[in-house]
N, C-alpha and C. Protein backbone atom coordinates (compact mmCIF):
# COMPACT_ATOMS: atom_id res chain seq x y z
N MET A 1 114.27 21.03 133.84
CA MET A 1 114.86 19.77 134.35
C MET A 1 116.30 19.20 134.36
N ALA A 2 116.42 18.27 135.28
CA ALA A 2 117.89 18.38 135.64
C ALA A 2 118.61 17.68 134.13
N GLN A 3 117.84 16.42 133.69
CA GLN A 3 118.49 15.80 132.64
C GLN A 3 117.78 16.43 131.33
N ALA A 4 118.41 16.26 130.15
CA ALA A 4 117.28 16.26 128.76
C ALA A 4 116.65 14.95 128.99
N LEU A 5 115.45 15.41 128.03
CA LEU A 5 114.60 14.31 127.85
C LEU A 5 114.77 14.32 126.30
N LYS A 6 114.33 13.20 126.06
CA LYS A 6 114.56 12.53 124.62
C LYS A 6 113.41 11.81 124.16
N ALA A 7 113.10 11.74 123.07
CA ALA A 7 112.61 10.77 122.29
C ALA A 7 112.47 9.20 122.71
N GLY A 8 111.35 8.56 123.53
CA GLY A 8 111.46 7.28 124.07
C GLY A 8 111.54 7.13 125.44
N ASP A 9 111.65 8.45 126.09
CA ASP A 9 111.55 8.36 127.42
C ASP A 9 110.29 8.43 127.87
N ALA A 10 110.09 7.72 129.29
CA ALA A 10 108.85 7.76 130.07
C ALA A 10 108.70 9.16 130.84
N VAL A 11 107.44 9.43 130.62
CA VAL A 11 107.39 10.68 131.46
C VAL A 11 105.83 10.84 131.95
N ARG A 12 105.50 11.84 132.95
CA ARG A 12 103.69 11.90 133.42
C ARG A 12 103.81 13.51 133.29
N LEU A 13 102.60 13.65 133.68
CA LEU A 13 102.39 15.11 134.08
C LEU A 13 102.72 15.36 135.44
N LYS A 14 103.14 16.27 135.60
CA LYS A 14 103.25 16.93 137.15
C LYS A 14 102.05 17.02 138.10
N SER A 15 100.85 16.84 137.43
CA SER A 15 99.88 16.78 137.66
C SER A 15 99.28 15.61 137.96
N GLY A 16 99.75 14.64 137.25
CA GLY A 16 99.44 13.24 137.83
C GLY A 16 99.13 12.70 135.98
N GLY A 17 98.15 11.64 136.19
CA GLY A 17 97.96 11.22 134.85
C GLY A 17 98.92 9.88 134.44
N PRO A 18 98.47 9.21 133.30
CA PRO A 18 99.06 8.10 132.70
C PRO A 18 100.45 8.34 132.51
N ARG A 19 101.05 7.36 132.21
CA ARG A 19 102.63 7.01 131.95
C ARG A 19 102.68 7.40 130.59
N MET A 20 103.24 8.03 129.79
CA MET A 20 103.36 8.31 128.53
C MET A 20 104.75 8.13 127.77
N MET A 21 105.09 8.07 126.64
CA MET A 21 106.16 8.02 126.26
C MET A 21 106.29 9.19 125.43
N LEU A 22 107.61 9.77 125.30
CA LEU A 22 107.89 10.79 124.45
C LEU A 22 108.14 10.30 123.23
N THR A 23 107.48 10.82 122.09
CA THR A 23 107.68 10.61 120.64
C THR A 23 108.37 12.17 119.99
N SER A 24 108.62 13.01 120.02
CA SER A 24 109.51 13.70 119.68
C SER A 24 109.75 15.01 120.62
N VAL A 25 110.72 15.34 120.55
CA VAL A 25 111.04 17.07 121.29
C VAL A 25 111.68 17.94 120.27
N ASP A 26 111.16 19.50 120.65
CA ASP A 26 111.23 20.38 119.51
C ASP A 26 112.16 21.32 120.10
N ASP A 27 112.84 22.20 119.55
CA ASP A 27 113.89 23.29 120.13
C ASP A 27 113.15 24.19 121.04
N ARG A 28 111.87 24.51 120.95
CA ARG A 28 111.22 25.39 121.84
C ARG A 28 110.75 24.87 123.02
N GLY A 29 111.20 23.50 123.33
CA GLY A 29 110.83 23.07 124.82
C GLY A 29 109.38 22.20 124.67
N TYR A 30 108.57 22.10 123.75
CA TYR A 30 107.36 21.46 123.53
C TYR A 30 107.76 19.90 122.92
N VAL A 31 106.77 19.10 123.42
CA VAL A 31 106.87 17.63 123.16
C VAL A 31 105.66 16.99 122.52
N ARG A 32 105.50 15.93 122.10
CA ARG A 32 104.44 15.29 121.75
C ARG A 32 104.67 13.84 122.67
N THR A 33 103.58 13.29 122.99
CA THR A 33 103.58 12.28 123.84
C THR A 33 102.51 11.13 123.38
N ALA A 34 102.61 9.79 123.83
CA ALA A 34 101.94 8.93 123.33
C ALA A 34 101.73 7.97 124.22
N TRP A 35 100.49 7.45 124.60
CA TRP A 35 99.93 6.24 125.47
C TRP A 35 98.60 5.82 125.28
N PHE A 36 98.27 4.79 126.02
CA PHE A 36 97.31 3.59 125.42
C PHE A 36 96.31 3.65 126.30
N VAL A 37 95.15 3.83 125.96
CA VAL A 37 93.73 3.79 127.32
C VAL A 37 93.22 2.55 126.54
N GLY A 38 93.42 1.47 127.33
CA GLY A 38 92.94 0.22 126.63
C GLY A 38 93.67 0.02 125.46
N ALA A 39 93.27 -0.30 124.43
CA ALA A 39 93.83 -0.40 122.86
C ALA A 39 93.82 0.55 122.45
N ALA A 40 93.10 1.62 122.67
CA ALA A 40 93.26 3.14 121.89
C ALA A 40 94.29 4.04 122.17
N LYS A 41 95.16 4.33 121.25
CA LYS A 41 96.18 5.27 121.45
C LYS A 41 95.92 6.77 121.35
N GLN A 42 96.30 7.21 122.28
CA GLN A 42 96.03 8.35 122.47
C GLN A 42 97.40 9.36 122.44
N ARG A 43 97.24 10.78 122.26
CA ARG A 43 98.36 11.35 121.82
C ARG A 43 98.24 12.89 122.31
N GLY A 44 99.47 13.44 123.02
CA GLY A 44 99.16 15.07 123.73
C GLY A 44 100.66 15.54 123.44
N HIS A 45 100.43 16.94 123.45
CA HIS A 45 101.27 18.28 123.32
C HIS A 45 101.55 19.01 124.08
N PHE A 46 102.61 18.85 124.88
CA PHE A 46 102.90 19.56 126.13
C PHE A 46 104.31 20.37 125.99
N HIS A 47 104.33 21.05 127.11
CA HIS A 47 105.87 21.74 127.38
C HIS A 47 106.53 20.90 128.19
N LEU A 48 107.86 20.87 128.23
CA LEU A 48 108.38 20.20 129.37
C LEU A 48 108.45 20.79 130.54
N ASP A 49 108.26 21.67 130.87
CA ASP A 49 107.82 22.34 132.19
C ASP A 49 106.94 21.61 132.85
N ALA A 50 105.71 21.27 132.11
CA ALA A 50 104.95 20.64 132.52
C ALA A 50 105.11 19.01 132.94
N LEU A 51 106.07 18.65 132.44
CA LEU A 51 106.41 16.80 132.76
C LEU A 51 107.54 16.55 133.69
N ILE A 52 107.21 15.24 134.46
CA ILE A 52 108.33 14.68 135.43
C ILE A 52 108.67 13.18 134.69
N ASP A 53 109.95 13.00 135.09
CA ASP A 53 110.38 11.55 134.91
C ASP A 53 109.15 10.56 135.33
N ALA A 54 108.92 9.63 134.51
CA ALA A 54 107.63 8.88 135.20
C ALA A 54 107.81 8.03 136.40
N GLN A 55 109.37 8.09 136.64
CA GLN A 55 109.70 7.19 137.74
C GLN A 55 109.45 7.91 139.17
N THR A 56 109.25 9.40 139.02
CA THR A 56 109.05 10.06 139.98
C THR A 56 107.34 9.85 140.35
N GLU A 57 107.05 10.29 141.28
CA GLU A 57 105.77 10.22 141.96
C GLU A 57 105.15 11.52 141.90
N PRO A 58 104.29 12.06 141.13
CA PRO A 58 103.74 13.35 141.50
C PRO A 58 103.10 13.50 142.94
N PRO A 59 103.39 14.98 143.40
CA PRO A 59 102.79 15.03 144.84
C PRO A 59 101.40 14.99 144.73
N LYS A 60 101.00 14.10 146.17
CA LYS A 60 100.14 13.58 146.75
C LYS A 60 98.74 14.86 146.65
N ARG A 61 97.65 14.95 146.03
CA ARG A 61 96.60 16.07 146.36
C ARG A 61 95.54 15.55 147.81
N PRO A 62 95.64 16.88 148.36
CA PRO A 62 94.64 16.50 149.87
C PRO A 62 93.56 16.12 149.20
N THR A 63 92.87 15.13 150.07
CA THR A 63 91.31 14.66 150.03
C THR A 63 90.51 15.56 150.58
N ILE A 64 89.41 16.31 150.22
CA ILE A 64 88.49 17.10 150.52
C ILE A 64 87.33 16.28 150.80
N ARG A 65 86.95 16.50 151.66
CA ARG A 65 85.85 15.89 152.38
C ARG A 65 84.94 16.96 152.82
């Protein structure tokens, strides 16, 4: 990533999905994230390489018909 991400930054998976907040970043490049689905808090554990800044739109996938 061009800039270092830190706890509190908004991200999303490169493949798409919900906007998430970084809650922690470790020295091996893994992060913990949190987001809400309705009132239910969800959590995830991802590598930095799988994430993009939430302001960046993920690539559009072609529609298969």
